[in-house]
Amino acid sequence: MDQQLTVVYEDNHLLVVLKRPNQLTQSDQTGDSDLLSEARAYIEEKYQKPGKAYLGLVHRMDRPVSGLIVFARTSKAAARLSEQVRTHEMYREYVCVAEGEPAQRFRLTDYLKKDEEANMVRVIPGYLKAEGKLAILNGVCLRQIDGRSLCAIRLETGRAHQIRVQMAHSGHPLVGDHRYGHPEGKEQIALYGMRLTLTHPTTRERMVFMAPMPENPIFKPFERDLRGLMNTWPKIGE
């Protein structure tokens, strides 16, 4: 069993885990370690599953980003959780540190187009929207210190690099994002999937999961605000 895997919650239908920064969500051509394979190995060893245990991927997270991810342990759970993603019933909420001073409350609506070869995403004008995908997020600016802002963000859509691209396009790139806005330096991106809300696929209970405090030092000046979020999460986009 991989002791690095941080399990936040598990039952016969769900497995909620904490993705590490710079870890793939699922395997790719690089052959690097990925969270899905690690979580599957955990299930196989803990429950002594013969053969390859089922574990359904419901949503993804960019490689540099850390935070909460839910996997489905049955195909029925996978279908129901995927439907929650589609209908926005599942809330994926992040904290980030952005450059500048965004509005206290903001909503970003853009059309994004991905260059698969370069693995880059850009905002395209509305008249080209047929070539891209609609991306919507809502955010709240919680604190501003020394020209940087702590924001809480809820995704309405789940596009590749979405928060990073939309925040950079709005003039507030994320600190430590070397692909969008911060090409120099070695800081870890200041984006963390801190809160996940979903409806249990069988009991229909509404469930809220909170990640532990982020270890990224960029968040350190905002520690008091982050601890406050553990108790009271702001209403975003409501």
C-alpha atoms as a PDB file:
ATOM      1  CA  MET A   1       0.000   0.000   0.000  1.00  0.00           C
ATOM      2  CA  ASP A   2       1.363   3.444  -0.956  1.00  0.00           C
ATOM      3  CA  GLN A   3       1.646   5.380   2.279  1.00  0.00           C
ATOM      4  CA  GLN A   4       1.811   8.652   0.360  1.00  0.00           C
ATOM      5  CA  LEU A   5      -1.854   8.405  -0.584  1.00  0.00           C
ATOM      6  CA  THR A   6      -3.962  10.691   1.616  1.00  0.00           C
ATOM      7  CA  VAL A   7      -7.472   9.289   1.943  1.00  0.00           C
ATOM      8  CA  VAL A   8     -10.054  11.813   3.134  1.00  0.00           C
ATOM      9  CA  TYR A   9     -13.112   9.536   2.919  1.00  0.00           C
ATOM     10  CA  GLU A  10     -14.042   6.100   1.626  1.00  0.00           C
ATOM     11  CA  ASP A  11     -17.004   3.753   1.558  1.00  0.00           C
ATOM     12  CA  ASN A  12     -18.264   1.094  -0.865  1.00  0.00           C
ATOM     13  CA  HIS A  13     -19.166   3.738  -3.451  1.00  0.00           C
ATOM     14  CA  LEU A  14     -16.729   6.639  -3.059  1.00  0.00           C
ATOM     15  CA  LEU A  15     -13.050   7.309  -2.521  1.00  0.00           C
ATOM     16  CA  VAL A  16     -12.051  10.916  -1.811  1.00  0.00           C
ATOM     17  CA  VAL A  17      -8.313  11.554  -1.840  1.00  0.00           C
ATOM     18  CA  LEU A  18      -5.842  14.435  -1.848  1.00  0.00           C
ATOM     19  CA  LYS A  19      -3.851  14.869  -5.032  1.00  0.00           C
ATOM     20  CA  ARG A  20      -0.253  15.959  -4.551  1.00  0.00           C
ATOM     21  CA  PRO A  21       1.222  18.861  -6.540  1.00  0.00           C
ATOM     22  CA  ASN A  22       2.873  17.852  -9.840  1.00  0.00           C
ATOM     23  CA  GLN A  23       1.129  14.466  -9.800  1.00  0.00           C
ATOM     24  CA  LEU A  24      -0.847  13.301 -12.817  1.00  0.00           C
ATOM     25  CA  THR A  25      -4.536  12.607 -12.259  1.00  0.00           C
ATOM     26  CA  GLN A  26      -4.328   9.648 -14.649  1.00  0.00           C
ATOM     27  CA  SER A  27      -1.516   8.057 -16.617  1.00  0.00           C
ATOM     28  CA  ASP A  28      -0.198   9.564 -19.834  1.00  0.00           C
ATOM     29  CA  GLN A  29       2.645   8.985 -22.263  1.00  0.00           C
ATOM     30  CA  THR A  30       5.256  10.165 -19.730  1.00  0.00           C
ATOM     31  CA  GLY A  31       4.805   7.074 -17.578  1.00  0.00           C
ATOM     32  CA  ASP A  32       5.011   9.229 -14.445  1.00  0.00           C
ATOM     33  CA  SER A  33       3.180   8.301 -11.247  1.00  0.00           C
ATOM     34  CA  ASP A  34      -0.542   9.058 -11.383  1.00  0.00           C
ATOM     35  CA  LEU A  35      -3.231   9.348  -8.732  1.00  0.00           C
ATOM     36  CA  LEU A  36      -5.741   6.981 -10.335  1.00  0.00           C
ATOM     37  CA  SER A  37      -3.244   4.099 -10.446  1.00  0.00           C
ATOM     38  CA  GLU A  38      -2.101   4.851  -6.902  1.00  0.00           C
ATOM     39  CA  ALA A  39      -5.664   4.918  -5.591  1.00  0.00           C
ATOM     40  CA  ARG A  40      -6.537   1.694  -7.426  1.00  0.00           C
ATOM     41  CA  ALA A  41      -3.495  -0.037  -5.913  1.00  0.00           C
ATOM     42  CA  TYR A  42      -4.645   1.161  -2.485  1.00  0.00           C
ATOM     43  CA  ILE A  43      -8.102  -0.397  -3.005  1.00  0.00           C
ATOM     44  CA  GLU A  44      -6.656  -3.654  -4.349  1.00  0.00           C
ATOM     45  CA  GLU A  45      -4.288  -4.076  -1.424  1.00  0.00           C
ATOM     46  CA  LYS A  46      -6.596  -2.934   1.373  1.00  0.00           C
ATOM     47  CA  TYR A  47      -9.548  -5.048   0.254  1.00  0.00           C
ATOM     48  CA  GLN A  48      -7.479  -7.853  -1.339  1.00  0.00           C
ATOM     49  CA  LYS A  49      -9.242  -7.454  -4.660  1.00  0.00           C
ATOM     50  CA  PRO A  50      -8.350 -10.137  -7.212  1.00  0.00           C
ATOM     51  CA  GLY A  51      -7.340  -8.677 -10.559  1.00  0.00           C
ATOM     52  CA  LYS A  52      -7.795  -4.988 -11.364  1.00  0.00           C
ATOM     53  CA  ALA A  53     -10.186  -3.148  -9.037  1.00  0.00           C
ATOM     54  CA  TYR A  54     -12.757  -0.826 -10.600  1.00  0.00           C
ATOM     55  CA  LEU A  55     -12.173   2.866  -9.917  1.00  0.00           C
ATOM     56  CA  GLY A  56     -13.978   5.446 -12.018  1.00  0.00           C
ATOM     57  CA  LEU A  57     -12.464   8.822 -12.878  1.00  0.00           C
ATOM     58  CA  VAL A  58     -15.128  11.507 -12.377  1.00  0.00           C
ATOM     59  CA  HIS A  59     -13.147  14.745 -12.776  1.00  0.00           C
ATOM     60  CA  ARG A  60      -9.552  15.827 -13.324  1.00  0.00           C
ATOM     61  CA  MET A  61      -7.095  18.339 -11.931  1.00  0.00           C
ATOM     62  CA  ASP A  62      -4.153  20.019 -13.683  1.00  0.00           C
ATOM     63  CA  ARG A  63      -0.834  18.368 -12.952  1.00  0.00           C
ATOM     64  CA  PRO A  64       0.761  21.263 -10.981  1.00  0.00           C
ATOM     65  CA  VAL A  65      -2.350  21.686  -8.820  1.00  0.00           C
ATOM     66  CA  SER A  66      -3.102  19.835  -5.583  1.00  0.00           C
ATOM     67  CA  GLY A  67      -6.406  19.231  -3.856  1.00  0.00           C
ATOM     68  CA  LEU A  68      -9.447  17.000  -3.433  1.00  0.00           C
ATOM     69  CA  ILE A  69     -10.518  14.465  -6.047  1.00  0.00           C
ATOM     70  CA  VAL A  70     -13.344  11.925  -5.809  1.00  0.00           C
ATOM     71  CA  PHE A  71     -13.224   8.528  -7.505  1.00  0.00           C
ATOM     72  CA  ALA A  72     -16.197   6.202  -7.945  1.00  0.00           C
ATOM     73  CA  ARG A  73     -15.892   2.621  -6.726  1.00  0.00           C
ATOM     74  CA  THR A  74     -18.764   1.303  -8.849  1.00  0.00           C
ATOM     75  CA  SER A  75     -19.934   2.027 -12.392  1.00  0.00           C
ATOM     76  CA  LYS A  76     -23.317   3.184 -11.059  1.00  0.00           C
ATOM     77  CA  ALA A  77     -21.612   5.670  -8.740  1.00  0.00           C
ATOM     78  CA  ALA A  78     -19.428   6.865 -11.616  1.00  0.00           C
ATOM     79  CA  ALA A  79     -22.457   7.568 -13.806  1.00  0.00           C
ATOM     80  CA  ARG A  80     -24.312   9.436 -11.064  1.00  0.00           C
ATOM     81  CA  LEU A  81     -21.286  11.500 -10.016  1.00  0.00           C
ATOM     82  CA  SER A  82     -20.503  12.357 -13.642  1.00  0.00           C
ATOM     83  CA  GLU A  83     -24.059  13.598 -14.008  1.00  0.00           C
ATOM     84  CA  GLN A  84     -23.542  15.830 -10.962  1.00  0.00           C
ATOM     85  CA  VAL A  85     -20.495  17.327 -12.660  1.00  0.00           C
ATOM     86  CA  ARG A  86     -22.520  17.926 -15.836  1.00  0.00           C
ATOM     87  CA  THR A  87     -25.429  19.585 -14.008  1.00  0.00           C
ATOM     88  CA  HIS A  88     -23.179  21.572 -11.614  1.00  0.00           C
ATOM     89  CA  GLU A  89     -24.586  19.738  -8.594  1.00  0.00           C
ATOM     90  CA  MET A  90     -21.031  18.866  -7.595  1.00  0.00           C
ATOM     91  CA  TYR A  91     -19.167  21.922  -6.298  1.00  0.00           C
ATOM     92  CA  ARG A  92     -15.402  21.960  -6.879  1.00  0.00           C
ATOM     93  CA  GLU A  93     -14.032  24.896  -4.940  1.00  0.00           C
ATOM     94  CA  TYR A  94     -10.478  26.178  -4.832  1.00  0.00           C
ATOM     95  CA  VAL A  95      -8.374  28.745  -3.054  1.00  0.00           C
ATOM     96  CA  CYS A  96      -5.702  30.642  -4.956  1.00  0.00           C
ATOM     97  CA  VAL A  97      -3.314  33.550  -4.572  1.00  0.00           C
ATOM     98  CA  ALA A  98      -3.557  35.922  -7.520  1.00  0.00           C
ATOM     99  CA  GLU A  99      -1.579  38.984  -8.507  1.00  0.00           C
ATOM    100  CA  GLY A 100      -3.275  42.350  -8.046  1.00  0.00           C
ATOM    101  CA  GLU A 101      -6.669  43.107  -6.616  1.00  0.00           C
ATOM    102  CA  PRO A 102      -9.653  41.383  -8.238  1.00  0.00           C
ATOM    103  CA  ALA A 103     -13.159  42.610  -7.483  1.00  0.00           C
ATOM    104  CA  GLN A 104     -14.571  41.444  -4.160  1.00  0.00           C
ATOM    105  CA  ARG A 105     -16.973  39.219  -6.088  1.00  0.00           C
ATOM    106  CA  PHE A 106     -16.405  38.240  -9.703  1.00  0.00           C
ATOM    107  CA  ARG A 107     -17.747  35.969 -12.422  1.00  0.00           C
ATOM    108  CA  LEU A 108     -15.618  35.099 -15.433  1.00  0.00           C
ATOM    109  CA  THR A 109     -17.207  33.816 -18.625  1.00  0.00           C
ATOM    110  CA  ASP A 110     -14.929  33.006 -21.550  1.00  0.00           C
ATOM    111  CA  TYR A 111     -14.495  30.638 -24.462  1.00  0.00           C
ATOM    112  CA  LEU A 112     -11.335  28.546 -24.249  1.00  0.00           C
ATOM    113  CA  LYS A 113      -9.426  26.754 -26.978  1.00  0.00           C
ATOM    114  CA  LYS A 114      -6.707  24.202 -26.273  1.00  0.00           C
ATOM    115  CA  ASP A 115      -3.592  23.629 -28.344  1.00  0.00           C
ATOM    116  CA  GLU A 116      -3.113  19.907 -27.700  1.00  0.00           C
ATOM    117  CA  GLU A 117       0.414  19.808 -29.115  1.00  0.00           C
ATOM    118  CA  ALA A 118       1.671  22.667 -26.937  1.00  0.00           C
ATOM    119  CA  ASN A 119      -0.641  21.776 -24.014  1.00  0.00           C
ATOM    120  CA  MET A 120      -1.657  25.430 -23.784  1.00  0.00           C
ATOM    121  CA  VAL A 121      -5.117  26.962 -23.463  1.00  0.00           C
ATOM    122  CA  ARG A 122      -6.131  30.455 -24.541  1.00  0.00           C
ATOM    123  CA  VAL A 123      -9.206  32.646 -24.418  1.00  0.00           C
ATOM    124  CA  ILE A 124     -10.731  33.228 -27.840  1.00  0.00           C
ATOM    125  CA  PRO A 125     -13.172  35.989 -28.853  1.00  0.00           C
ATOM    126  CA  GLY A 126     -16.879  35.318 -28.695  1.00  0.00           C
ATOM    127  CA  TYR A 127     -17.323  35.315 -32.464  1.00  0.00           C
ATOM    128  CA  LEU A 128     -15.047  32.240 -32.588  1.00  0.00           C
ATOM    129  CA  LYS A 129     -16.890  30.417 -29.799  1.00  0.00           C
ATOM    130  CA  ALA A 130     -17.740  27.502 -32.089  1.00  0.00           C
ATOM    131  CA  GLU A 131     -14.012  26.663 -32.056  1.00  0.00           C
ATOM    132  CA  GLY A 132     -13.777  26.629 -28.248  1.00  0.00           C
ATOM    133  CA  LYS A 133     -15.565  25.594 -25.077  1.00  0.00           C
ATOM    134  CA  LEU A 134     -17.560  27.746 -22.683  1.00  0.00           C
ATOM    135  CA  ALA A 135     -15.789  28.300 -19.343  1.00  0.00           C
ATOM    136  CA  ILE A 136     -17.466  29.842 -16.298  1.00  0.00           C
ATOM    137  CA  LEU A 137     -16.175  30.391 -12.779  1.00  0.00           C
ATOM    138  CA  ASN A 138     -17.265  32.479  -9.805  1.00  0.00           C
ATOM    139  CA  GLY A 139     -14.955  33.932  -7.191  1.00  0.00           C
ATOM    140  CA  VAL A 140     -14.708  35.881  -3.965  1.00  0.00           C
ATOM    141  CA  CYS A 141     -11.669  37.951  -2.998  1.00  0.00           C
ATOM    142  CA  LEU A 142     -11.047  37.319   0.711  1.00  0.00           C
ATOM    143  CA  ARG A 143      -7.886  39.274   1.563  1.00  0.00           C
ATOM    144  CA  GLN A 144      -5.265  41.458  -0.122  1.00  0.00           C
ATOM    145  CA  ILE A 145      -1.686  41.606   1.145  1.00  0.00           C
ATOM    146  CA  ASP A 146       1.275  43.273  -0.588  1.00  0.00           C
ATOM    147  CA  GLY A 147      -0.325  43.347  -4.007  1.00  0.00           C
ATOM    148  CA  ARG A 148      -1.557  39.758  -3.895  1.00  0.00           C
ATOM    149  CA  SER A 149      -5.059  38.459  -3.214  1.00  0.00           C
ATOM    150  CA  LEU A 150      -6.434  35.315  -1.642  1.00  0.00           C
ATOM    151  CA  CYS A 151      -9.503  34.208  -3.581  1.00  0.00           C
ATOM    152  CA  ALA A 152     -12.004  31.377  -3.228  1.00  0.00           C
ATOM    153  CA  ILE A 153     -13.309  30.064  -6.546  1.00  0.00           C
ATOM    154  CA  ARG A 154     -16.108  27.731  -7.593  1.00  0.00           C
ATOM    155  CA  LEU A 155     -16.012  26.127 -11.023  1.00  0.00           C
ATOM    156  CA  GLU A 156     -19.209  25.910 -13.038  1.00  0.00           C
ATOM    157  CA  THR A 157     -17.410  24.174 -15.893  1.00  0.00           C
ATOM    158  CA  GLY A 158     -14.350  21.935 -15.774  1.00  0.00           C
ATOM    159  CA  ARG A 159     -12.083  22.937 -18.633  1.00  0.00           C
ATOM    160  CA  ALA A 160      -8.374  22.213 -18.868  1.00  0.00           C
ATOM    161  CA  HIS A 161      -6.302  24.894 -17.095  1.00  0.00           C
ATOM    162  CA  GLN A 162      -9.535  26.858 -16.633  1.00  0.00           C
ATOM    163  CA  ILE A 163      -8.886  28.836 -13.437  1.00  0.00           C
ATOM    164  CA  ARG A 164      -5.311  29.562 -14.480  1.00  0.00           C
ATOM    165  CA  VAL A 165      -6.217  30.823 -17.952  1.00  0.00           C
ATOM    166  CA  GLN A 166      -9.274  32.831 -16.944  1.00  0.00           C
ATOM    167  CA  MET A 167      -7.557  34.519 -14.005  1.00  0.00           C
ATOM    168  CA  ALA A 168      -4.544  35.412 -16.166  1.00  0.00           C
ATOM    169  CA  HIS A 169      -6.821  36.739 -18.926  1.00  0.00           C
ATOM    170  CA  SER A 170      -8.645  38.901 -16.366  1.00  0.00           C
ATOM    171  CA  GLY A 171      -5.318  40.511 -15.411  1.00  0.00           C
ATOM    172  CA  HIS A 172      -4.758  38.524 -12.226  1.00  0.00           C
ATOM    173  CA  PRO A 173      -2.470  35.547 -12.962  1.00  0.00           C
ATOM    174  CA  LEU A 174      -1.898  33.001 -10.223  1.00  0.00           C
ATOM    175  CA  VAL A 175       1.330  33.261  -8.275  1.00  0.00           C
ATOM    176  CA  GLY A 176       3.681  30.436  -9.210  1.00  0.00           C
ATOM    177  CA  ASP A 177       1.927  29.608 -12.486  1.00  0.00           C
ATOM    178  CA  HIS A 178       4.897  29.216 -14.812  1.00  0.00           C
ATOM    179  CA  ARG A 179       2.710  28.447 -17.829  1.00  0.00           C
ATOM    180  CA  TYR A 180       0.327  31.381 -17.552  1.00  0.00           C
ATOM    181  CA  GLY A 181       1.672  34.631 -16.159  1.00  0.00           C
ATOM    182  CA  HIS A 182       4.754  33.621 -14.124  1.00  0.00           C
ATOM    183  CA  PRO A 183       7.282  32.086 -16.529  1.00  0.00           C
ATOM    184  CA  GLU A 184      10.253  32.576 -14.214  1.00  0.00           C
ATOM    185  CA  GLY A 185      11.008  31.054 -10.818  1.00  0.00           C
ATOM    186  CA  LYS A 186      10.417  27.700  -9.181  1.00  0.00           C
ATOM    187  CA  GLU A 187       7.454  28.435  -6.932  1.00  0.00           C
ATOM    188  CA  GLN A 188       4.644  25.903  -6.727  1.00  0.00           C
ATOM    189  CA  ILE A 189       1.427  27.220  -8.230  1.00  0.00           C
ATOM    190  CA  ALA A 190      -0.823  28.843  -5.622  1.00  0.00           C
ATOM    191  CA  LEU A 191      -3.981  26.915  -6.512  1.00  0.00           C
ATOM    192  CA  TYR A 192      -5.509  24.329  -4.183  1.00  0.00           C
ATOM    193  CA  GLY A 193      -8.707  22.275  -4.408  1.00  0.00           C
ATOM    194  CA  MET A 194      -9.793  22.843  -0.827  1.00  0.00           C
ATOM    195  CA  ARG A 195     -13.508  21.994  -0.793  1.00  0.00           C
ATOM    196  CA  LEU A 196     -15.636  19.398  -2.564  1.00  0.00           C
ATOM    197  CA  THR A 197     -19.415  19.118  -2.239  1.00  0.00           C
ATOM    198  CA  LEU A 198     -21.439  16.297  -3.754  1.00  0.00           C
ATOM    199  CA  THR A 199     -24.534  14.167  -3.322  1.00  0.00           C
ATOM    200  CA  HIS A 200     -23.828  10.576  -2.320  1.00  0.00           C
ATOM    201  CA  PRO A 201     -24.739   8.384  -5.312  1.00  0.00           C
ATOM    202  CA  THR A 202     -26.819   5.899  -3.301  1.00  0.00           C
ATOM    203  CA  THR A 203     -27.910   7.525  -0.021  1.00  0.00           C
ATOM    204  CA  ARG A 204     -28.516  10.932  -1.681  1.00  0.00           C
ATOM    205  CA  GLU A 205     -26.951  12.587   1.359  1.00  0.00           C
ATOM    206  CA  ARG A 206     -25.315  15.942   0.652  1.00  0.00           C
ATOM    207  CA  MET A 207     -21.636  15.631   1.617  1.00  0.00           C
ATOM    208  CA  VAL A 208     -18.953  18.298   2.081  1.00  0.00           C
ATOM    209  CA  PHE A 209     -15.244  17.464   2.204  1.00  0.00           C
ATOM    210  CA  MET A 210     -12.493  19.850   3.293  1.00  0.00           C
ATOM    211  CA  ALA A 211      -8.821  19.384   2.503  1.00  0.00           C
ATOM    212  CA  PRO A 212      -6.171  20.030   5.153  1.00  0.00           C
ATOM    213  CA  MET A 213      -4.368  23.364   5.133  1.00  0.00           C
ATOM    214  CA  PRO A 214      -2.235  23.844   1.998  1.00  0.00           C
ATOM    215  CA  GLU A 215       1.490  23.378   2.545  1.00  0.00           C
ATOM    216  CA  ASN A 216       2.472  25.776  -0.242  1.00  0.00           C
ATOM    217  CA  PRO A 217       4.424  28.681   1.393  1.00  0.00           C
ATOM    218  CA  ILE A 218       2.759  31.209  -0.933  1.00  0.00           C
ATOM    219  CA  PHE A 219      -0.397  30.757   1.150  1.00  0.00           C
ATOM    220  CA  LYS A 220       1.436  31.446   4.441  1.00  0.00           C
ATOM    221  CA  PRO A 221       0.544  35.183   4.729  1.00  0.00           C
ATOM    222  CA  PHE A 222      -3.128  34.210   4.433  1.00  0.00           C
ATOM    223  CA  GLU A 223      -3.038  31.437   7.039  1.00  0.00           C
ATOM    224  CA  ARG A 224      -5.590  33.057   9.362  1.00  0.00           C
ATOM    225  CA  ASP A 225      -8.075  33.465   6.506  1.00  0.00           C
ATOM    226  CA  LEU A 226      -7.552  29.883   5.377  1.00  0.00           C
ATOM    227  CA  ARG A 227      -8.203  28.586   8.876  1.00  0.00           C
ATOM    228  CA  GLY A 228     -11.389  30.630   8.891  1.00  0.00           C
ATOM    229  CA  LEU A 229     -12.460  28.893   5.694  1.00  0.00           C
ATOM    230  CA  MET A 230     -12.224  25.556   7.475  1.00  0.00           C
ATOM    231  CA  ASN A 231     -15.182  26.702   9.598  1.00  0.00           C
ATOM    232  CA  THR A 232     -17.089  29.098   7.336  1.00  0.00           C
ATOM    233  CA  TRP A 233     -16.934  28.897   3.575  1.00  0.00           C
ATOM    234  CA  PRO A 234     -18.214  31.952   1.676  1.00  0.00           C
ATOM    235  CA  LYS A 235     -21.195  31.803  -0.647  1.00  0.00           C
ATOM    236  CA  ILE A 236     -19.813  31.895  -4.178  1.00  0.00           C
ATOM    237  CA  GLY A 237     -21.910  32.591  -7.227  1.00  0.00           C
ATOM    238  CA  GLU A 238     -25.169  32.473  -5.297  1.00  0.00           C
END
